[in-house]
Amino acid sequence: MSQFTQKEQVLDLVVDSAEIVRMLGRSIEKGKIDPASAMTNLASALRKLETATEYLRRRWKNIFRTLYW
Protein backbone atom coordinates (compact mmCIF):
# COMPACT_ATOMS: atom_id res chain seq x y z
CA MET A 1 0.00 0.00 0.00
CA SER A 2 1.36 3.38 -0.89
CA GLN A 3 2.26 5.87 1.80
CA PHE A 4 -0.26 8.42 0.49
CA THR A 5 -3.16 5.96 0.53
CA GLN A 6 -2.24 4.79 4.01
CA LYS A 7 -2.08 8.39 5.24
CA GLU A 8 -5.56 9.05 3.84
CA GLN A 9 -6.92 5.92 5.51
CA VAL A 10 -5.47 6.87 8.89
CA LEU A 11 -6.85 10.39 8.59
CA ASP A 12 -10.29 9.07 7.58
CA LEU A 13 -10.36 6.66 10.51
CA VAL A 14 -9.43 9.36 13.03
CA VAL A 15 -11.92 11.85 11.60
CA ASP A 16 -14.68 9.20 11.59
CA SER A 17 -13.93 8.36 15.22
CA ALA A 18 -14.05 12.00 16.24
CA GLU A 19 -17.36 12.46 14.42
CA ILE A 20 -18.86 9.39 16.12
CA VAL A 21 -17.85 10.67 19.56
CA ARG A 22 -19.09 14.20 18.77
CA MET A 23 -22.50 12.95 17.60
CA LEU A 24 -22.73 10.56 20.53
CA GLY A 25 -22.07 13.40 22.96
CA ARG A 26 -24.83 15.47 21.41
CA SER A 27 -27.25 12.55 21.57
CA ILE A 28 -26.44 11.94 25.22
CA GLU A 29 -26.93 15.64 26.05
CA LYS A 30 -30.35 15.59 24.39
CA GLY A 31 -31.24 12.25 25.98
CA LYS A 32 -31.95 10.65 22.61
CA ILE A 33 -29.79 7.55 22.90
CA ASP A 34 -30.00 4.45 25.04
CA PRO A 35 -26.96 3.10 26.90
CA ALA A 36 -26.59 0.01 24.69
CA SER A 37 -26.44 2.11 21.52
CA ALA A 38 -23.99 4.51 23.15
CA MET A 39 -21.67 1.64 24.06
CA THR A 40 -21.94 0.21 20.53
CA ASN A 41 -21.04 3.57 19.02
CA LEU A 42 -18.11 4.05 21.41
CA ALA A 43 -16.85 0.57 20.56
CA SER A 44 -17.02 1.43 16.87
CA ALA A 45 -15.02 4.62 17.41
CA LEU A 46 -12.44 2.72 19.46
CA ARG A 47 -12.07 0.04 16.75
CA LYS A 48 -11.43 2.73 14.17
CA LEU A 49 -8.75 4.31 16.36
CA GLU A 50 -7.13 0.92 16.96
CA THR A 51 -7.04 0.29 13.21
CA ALA A 52 -5.42 3.68 12.64
CA THR A 53 -2.87 2.91 15.36
CA GLU A 54 -2.03 -0.39 13.73
CA TYR A 55 -1.43 1.32 10.36
CA LEU A 56 0.94 3.76 12.07
CA ARG A 57 2.78 1.00 13.94
CA ARG A 58 3.35 -0.91 10.71
CA ARG A 59 4.57 2.22 8.97
CA TRP A 60 7.04 3.15 11.72
CA LYS A 61 8.22 -0.44 11.98
CA ASN A 62 9.07 -0.36 8.26
CA ILE A 63 10.83 3.00 8.59
CA PHE A 64 13.02 1.81 11.47
CA ARG A 65 13.77 -1.44 9.70
CA THR A 66 15.12 0.43 6.66
CA LEU A 67 17.12 2.86 8.82
CA TYR A 68 18.87 0.33 11.02
CA TRP A 69 19.31 -2.71 8.75
C-alpha atoms as a PDB file:
ATOM      1  CA  MET A   1       0.000   0.000   0.000  1.00  0.00           C
ATOM      2  CA  SER A   2       1.358   3.384  -0.891  1.00  0.00           C
ATOM      3  CA  GLN A   3       2.258   5.865   1.797  1.00  0.00           C
ATOM      4  CA  PHE A   4      -0.264   8.417   0.493  1.00  0.00           C
ATOM      5  CA  THR A   5      -3.160   5.957   0.529  1.00  0.00           C
ATOM      6  CA  GLN A   6      -2.242   4.788   4.007  1.00  0.00           C
ATOM      7  CA  LYS A   7      -2.083   8.390   5.236  1.00  0.00           C
ATOM      8  CA  GLU A   8      -5.563   9.051   3.841  1.00  0.00           C
ATOM      9  CA  GLN A   9      -6.919   5.924   5.510  1.00  0.00           C
ATOM     10  CA  VAL A  10      -5.469   6.872   8.890  1.00  0.00           C
ATOM     11  CA  LEU A  11      -6.852  10.386   8.588  1.00  0.00           C
ATOM     12  CA  ASP A  12     -10.289   9.074   7.581  1.00  0.00           C
ATOM     13  CA  LEU A  13     -10.361   6.659  10.511  1.00  0.00           C
ATOM     14  CA  VAL A  14      -9.425   9.356  13.027  1.00  0.00           C
ATOM     15  CA  VAL A  15     -11.923  11.847  11.595  1.00  0.00           C
ATOM     16  CA  ASP A  16     -14.678   9.205  11.586  1.00  0.00           C
ATOM     17  CA  SER A  17     -13.932   8.357  15.216  1.00  0.00           C
ATOM     18  CA  ALA A  18     -14.051  12.002  16.236  1.00  0.00           C
ATOM     19  CA  GLU A  19     -17.359  12.456  14.425  1.00  0.00           C
ATOM     20  CA  ILE A  20     -18.856   9.390  16.125  1.00  0.00           C
ATOM     21  CA  VAL A  21     -17.845  10.674  19.561  1.00  0.00           C
ATOM     22  CA  ARG A  22     -19.095  14.199  18.773  1.00  0.00           C
ATOM     23  CA  MET A  23     -22.501  12.954  17.596  1.00  0.00           C
ATOM     24  CA  LEU A  24     -22.725  10.565  20.530  1.00  0.00           C
ATOM     25  CA  GLY A  25     -22.069  13.404  22.961  1.00  0.00           C
ATOM     26  CA  ARG A  26     -24.832  15.474  21.415  1.00  0.00           C
ATOM     27  CA  SER A  27     -27.251  12.549  21.568  1.00  0.00           C
ATOM     28  CA  ILE A  28     -26.442  11.942  25.222  1.00  0.00           C
ATOM     29  CA  GLU A  29     -26.934  15.644  26.047  1.00  0.00           C
ATOM     30  CA  LYS A  30     -30.349  15.590  24.387  1.00  0.00           C
ATOM     31  CA  GLY A  31     -31.240  12.248  25.980  1.00  0.00           C
ATOM     32  CA  LYS A  32     -31.955  10.653  22.612  1.00  0.00           C
ATOM     33  CA  ILE A  33     -29.787   7.551  22.896  1.00  0.00           C
ATOM     34  CA  ASP A  34     -30.002   4.446  25.038  1.00  0.00           C
ATOM     35  CA  PRO A  35     -26.956   3.096  26.903  1.00  0.00           C
ATOM     36  CA  ALA A  36     -26.586   0.009  24.690  1.00  0.00           C
ATOM     37  CA  SER A  37     -26.435   2.112  21.524  1.00  0.00           C
ATOM     38  CA  ALA A  38     -23.988   4.506  23.153  1.00  0.00           C
ATOM     39  CA  MET A  39     -21.669   1.638  24.055  1.00  0.00           C
ATOM     40  CA  THR A  40     -21.935   0.212  20.532  1.00  0.00           C
ATOM     41  CA  ASN A  41     -21.035   3.570  19.022  1.00  0.00           C
ATOM     42  CA  LEU A  42     -18.114   4.051  21.410  1.00  0.00           C
ATOM     43  CA  ALA A  43     -16.848   0.566  20.562  1.00  0.00           C
ATOM     44  CA  SER A  44     -17.023   1.428  16.867  1.00  0.00           C
ATOM     45  CA  ALA A  45     -15.024   4.616  17.409  1.00  0.00           C
ATOM     46  CA  LEU A  46     -12.441   2.720  19.459  1.00  0.00           C
ATOM     47  CA  ARG A  47     -12.067   0.041  16.754  1.00  0.00           C
ATOM     48  CA  LYS A  48     -11.430   2.730  14.172  1.00  0.00           C
ATOM     49  CA  LEU A  49      -8.749   4.311  16.362  1.00  0.00           C
ATOM     50  CA  GLU A  50      -7.132   0.920  16.960  1.00  0.00           C
ATOM     51  CA  THR A  51      -7.039   0.289  13.212  1.00  0.00           C
ATOM     52  CA  ALA A  52      -5.416   3.678  12.637  1.00  0.00           C
ATOM     53  CA  THR A  53      -2.872   2.915  15.364  1.00  0.00           C
ATOM     54  CA  GLU A  54      -2.028  -0.391  13.726  1.00  0.00           C
ATOM     55  CA  TYR A  55      -1.432   1.318  10.363  1.00  0.00           C
ATOM     56  CA  LEU A  56       0.940   3.760  12.071  1.00  0.00           C
ATOM     57  CA  ARG A  57       2.775   1.000  13.944  1.00  0.00           C
ATOM     58  CA  ARG A  58       3.355  -0.907  10.712  1.00  0.00           C
ATOM     59  CA  ARG A  59       4.568   2.222   8.965  1.00  0.00           C
ATOM     60  CA  TRP A  60       7.045   3.145  11.721  1.00  0.00           C
ATOM     61  CA  LYS A  61       8.223  -0.437  11.976  1.00  0.00           C
ATOM     62  CA  ASN A  62       9.075  -0.362   8.258  1.00  0.00           C
ATOM     63  CA  ILE A  63      10.831   2.996   8.591  1.00  0.00           C
ATOM     64  CA  PHE A  64      13.017   1.806  11.475  1.00  0.00           C
ATOM     65  CA  ARG A  65      13.775  -1.444   9.697  1.00  0.00           C
ATOM     66  CA  THR A  66      15.125   0.431   6.661  1.00  0.00           C
ATOM     67  CA  LEU A  67      17.118   2.859   8.824  1.00  0.00           C
ATOM     68  CA  TYR A  68      18.867   0.330  11.017  1.00  0.00           C
ATOM     69  CA  TRP A  69      19.305  -2.714   8.748  1.00  0.00           C
END
